[in-house]
């Protein structure tokens, strides 16, 4: 579920999710995406986005920026790259 939400955010599509879909995400509710807990809240959130195009645009832009900085391939692989480089460096020092 979270992958789909991240996909929407990366595409610049304002996202609405359930509490379950929001768990573990590093996104600010009501700023980067909307969270709905009941069918009535889903309806309210959809109407909110339809009624406020400026909020839709801002949310889409900010959410895309979050995905690019925190969830892009570069951002996700960077810690692994760093760990491998450290491991190789420590082996080089031991071998010398």
C-alpha atoms as a PDB file:
ATOM      1  CA  UNK A   1       0.000   0.000   0.000  1.00  0.00           C
ATOM      2  CA  UNK A   2       2.748   2.462   0.926  1.00  0.00           C
ATOM      3  CA  UNK A   3       4.457   1.915  -2.407  1.00  0.00           C
ATOM      4  CA  UNK A   4       1.303   3.061  -4.190  1.00  0.00           C
ATOM      5  CA  UNK A   5       1.097   6.142  -1.983  1.00  0.00           C
ATOM      6  CA  UNK A   6       4.747   6.936  -2.688  1.00  0.00           C
ATOM      7  CA  UNK A   7       4.056   6.399  -6.391  1.00  0.00           C
ATOM      8  CA  UNK A   8       1.221   8.935  -6.330  1.00  0.00           C
ATOM      9  CA  UNK A   9       3.369  11.385  -4.398  1.00  0.00           C
ATOM     10  CA  UNK A  10       6.245  10.951  -6.871  1.00  0.00           C
ATOM     11  CA  UNK A  11       3.860  11.586  -9.764  1.00  0.00           C
ATOM     12  CA  UNK A  12       2.592  14.769  -8.122  1.00  0.00           C
ATOM     13  CA  UNK A  13      -0.841  13.322  -7.382  1.00  0.00           C
ATOM     14  CA  UNK A  14      -2.312  14.405  -4.031  1.00  0.00           C
ATOM     15  CA  UNK A  15      -2.732  11.310  -1.876  1.00  0.00           C
ATOM     16  CA  UNK A  16      -5.324  10.276   0.666  1.00  0.00           C
ATOM     17  CA  UNK A  17      -4.621   7.204   2.753  1.00  0.00           C
ATOM     18  CA  UNK A  18      -5.895   5.239   5.709  1.00  0.00           C
ATOM     19  CA  UNK A  19      -4.131   5.109   9.065  1.00  0.00           C
ATOM     20  CA  UNK A  20      -2.722   1.714   8.052  1.00  0.00           C
ATOM     21  CA  UNK A  21      -1.331   3.117   4.809  1.00  0.00           C
ATOM     22  CA  UNK A  22       0.217   6.024   6.680  1.00  0.00           C
ATOM     23  CA  UNK A  23       2.045   3.918   9.293  1.00  0.00           C
ATOM     24  CA  UNK A  24       5.796   4.177   9.035  1.00  0.00           C
ATOM     25  CA  UNK A  25       5.751   6.973   6.472  1.00  0.00           C
ATOM     26  CA  UNK A  26       7.896  10.029   6.998  1.00  0.00           C
ATOM     27  CA  UNK A  27       5.245  12.429   5.756  1.00  0.00           C
ATOM     28  CA  UNK A  28       3.370  15.168   7.561  1.00  0.00           C
ATOM     29  CA  UNK A  29      -0.400  14.578   7.477  1.00  0.00           C
ATOM     30  CA  UNK A  30      -2.452  17.464   6.050  1.00  0.00           C
ATOM     31  CA  UNK A  31       0.698  18.899   4.498  1.00  0.00           C
ATOM     32  CA  UNK A  32       2.057  16.112   2.272  1.00  0.00           C
ATOM     33  CA  UNK A  33      -0.933  13.777   2.212  1.00  0.00           C
ATOM     34  CA  UNK A  34      -4.335  13.423   3.812  1.00  0.00           C
ATOM     35  CA  UNK A  35      -5.371  10.673   6.222  1.00  0.00           C
ATOM     36  CA  UNK A  36      -8.943   9.373   6.440  1.00  0.00           C
ATOM     37  CA  UNK A  37     -10.273   7.064   9.135  1.00  0.00           C
ATOM     38  CA  UNK A  38     -13.847   6.486   8.010  1.00  0.00           C
ATOM     39  CA  UNK A  39     -15.915   6.594   4.809  1.00  0.00           C
ATOM     40  CA  UNK A  40     -17.203  10.033   5.822  1.00  0.00           C
ATOM     41  CA  UNK A  41     -13.635  11.285   6.288  1.00  0.00           C
ATOM     42  CA  UNK A  42     -12.673   9.924   2.857  1.00  0.00           C
ATOM     43  CA  UNK A  43     -15.539  11.918   1.369  1.00  0.00           C
ATOM     44  CA  UNK A  44     -14.496  15.042   3.297  1.00  0.00           C
ATOM     45  CA  UNK A  45     -10.859  14.727   2.195  1.00  0.00           C
ATOM     46  CA  UNK A  46     -11.797  14.258  -1.464  1.00  0.00           C
ATOM     47  CA  UNK A  47     -14.133  17.267  -1.330  1.00  0.00           C
ATOM     48  CA  UNK A  48     -11.407  19.279   0.425  1.00  0.00           C
ATOM     49  CA  UNK A  49      -8.964  18.603  -2.398  1.00  0.00           C
ATOM     50  CA  UNK A  50     -11.542  19.351  -5.074  1.00  0.00           C
ATOM     51  CA  UNK A  51     -12.505  22.633  -3.399  1.00  0.00           C
ATOM     52  CA  UNK A  52      -8.946  23.891  -2.870  1.00  0.00           C
ATOM     53  CA  UNK A  53      -6.802  23.636  -6.010  1.00  0.00           C
ATOM     54  CA  UNK A  54      -3.993  25.661  -4.387  1.00  0.00           C
ATOM     55  CA  UNK A  55      -3.801  23.129  -1.537  1.00  0.00           C
ATOM     56  CA  UNK A  56      -3.739  20.277  -4.090  1.00  0.00           C
ATOM     57  CA  UNK A  57      -0.857  21.894  -5.959  1.00  0.00           C
ATOM     58  CA  UNK A  58       1.175  22.688  -2.831  1.00  0.00           C
ATOM     59  CA  UNK A  59       0.611  19.217  -1.425  1.00  0.00           C
ATOM     60  CA  UNK A  60       1.650  17.593  -4.700  1.00  0.00           C
ATOM     61  CA  UNK A  61       4.825  19.688  -5.001  1.00  0.00           C
ATOM     62  CA  UNK A  62       5.883  19.166  -1.381  1.00  0.00           C
ATOM     63  CA  UNK A  63       5.094  15.444  -1.459  1.00  0.00           C
ATOM     64  CA  UNK A  64       7.122  14.962  -4.644  1.00  0.00           C
ATOM     65  CA  UNK A  65      10.062  16.786  -3.040  1.00  0.00           C
ATOM     66  CA  UNK A  66       9.875  14.435  -0.044  1.00  0.00           C
ATOM     67  CA  UNK A  67       9.873  11.359  -2.281  1.00  0.00           C
ATOM     68  CA  UNK A  68      12.835  12.665  -4.273  1.00  0.00           C
ATOM     69  CA  UNK A  69      14.881  13.462  -1.170  1.00  0.00           C
ATOM     70  CA  UNK A  70      13.932  10.559   1.113  1.00  0.00           C
ATOM     71  CA  UNK A  71      12.600   7.681  -1.004  1.00  0.00           C
ATOM     72  CA  UNK A  72      14.457   7.948  -4.326  1.00  0.00           C
ATOM     73  CA  UNK A  73      16.826   5.175  -5.388  1.00  0.00           C
ATOM     74  CA  UNK A  74      19.785   7.433  -4.607  1.00  0.00           C
ATOM     75  CA  UNK A  75      18.475   8.220  -1.130  1.00  0.00           C
ATOM     76  CA  UNK A  76      17.710   4.575  -0.386  1.00  0.00           C
ATOM     77  CA  UNK A  77      20.988   3.181  -1.748  1.00  0.00           C
ATOM     78  CA  UNK A  78      23.267   5.849  -0.289  1.00  0.00           C
ATOM     79  CA  UNK A  79      23.503   4.243   3.200  1.00  0.00           C
ATOM     80  CA  UNK A  80      24.302   0.870   1.595  1.00  0.00           C
ATOM     81  CA  UNK A  81      26.966   2.457  -0.594  1.00  0.00           C
ATOM     82  CA  UNK A  82      28.471   4.124   2.472  1.00  0.00           C
ATOM     83  CA  UNK A  83      28.473   0.856   4.478  1.00  0.00           C
ATOM     84  CA  UNK A  84      30.188  -1.016   1.622  1.00  0.00           C
ATOM     85  CA  UNK A  85      32.817   1.701   1.279  1.00  0.00           C
ATOM     86  CA  UNK A  86      33.514   1.571   5.024  1.00  0.00           C
ATOM     87  CA  UNK A  87      33.770  -2.206   4.967  1.00  0.00           C
ATOM     88  CA  UNK A  88      36.179  -2.124   2.022  1.00  0.00           C
ATOM     89  CA  UNK A  89      38.256   0.593   3.686  1.00  0.00           C
ATOM     90  CA  UNK A  90      38.532  -1.416   6.905  1.00  0.00           C
ATOM     91  CA  UNK A  91      39.670  -4.496   4.955  1.00  0.00           C
ATOM     92  CA  UNK A  92      42.265  -2.429   3.112  1.00  0.00           C
ATOM     93  CA  UNK A  93      43.661  -1.105   6.401  1.00  0.00           C
ATOM     94  CA  UNK A  94      43.828  -4.617   7.887  1.00  0.00           C
ATOM     95  CA  UNK A  95      45.591  -5.992   4.796  1.00  0.00           C
ATOM     96  CA  UNK A  96      48.242  -3.254   4.850  1.00  0.00           C
END
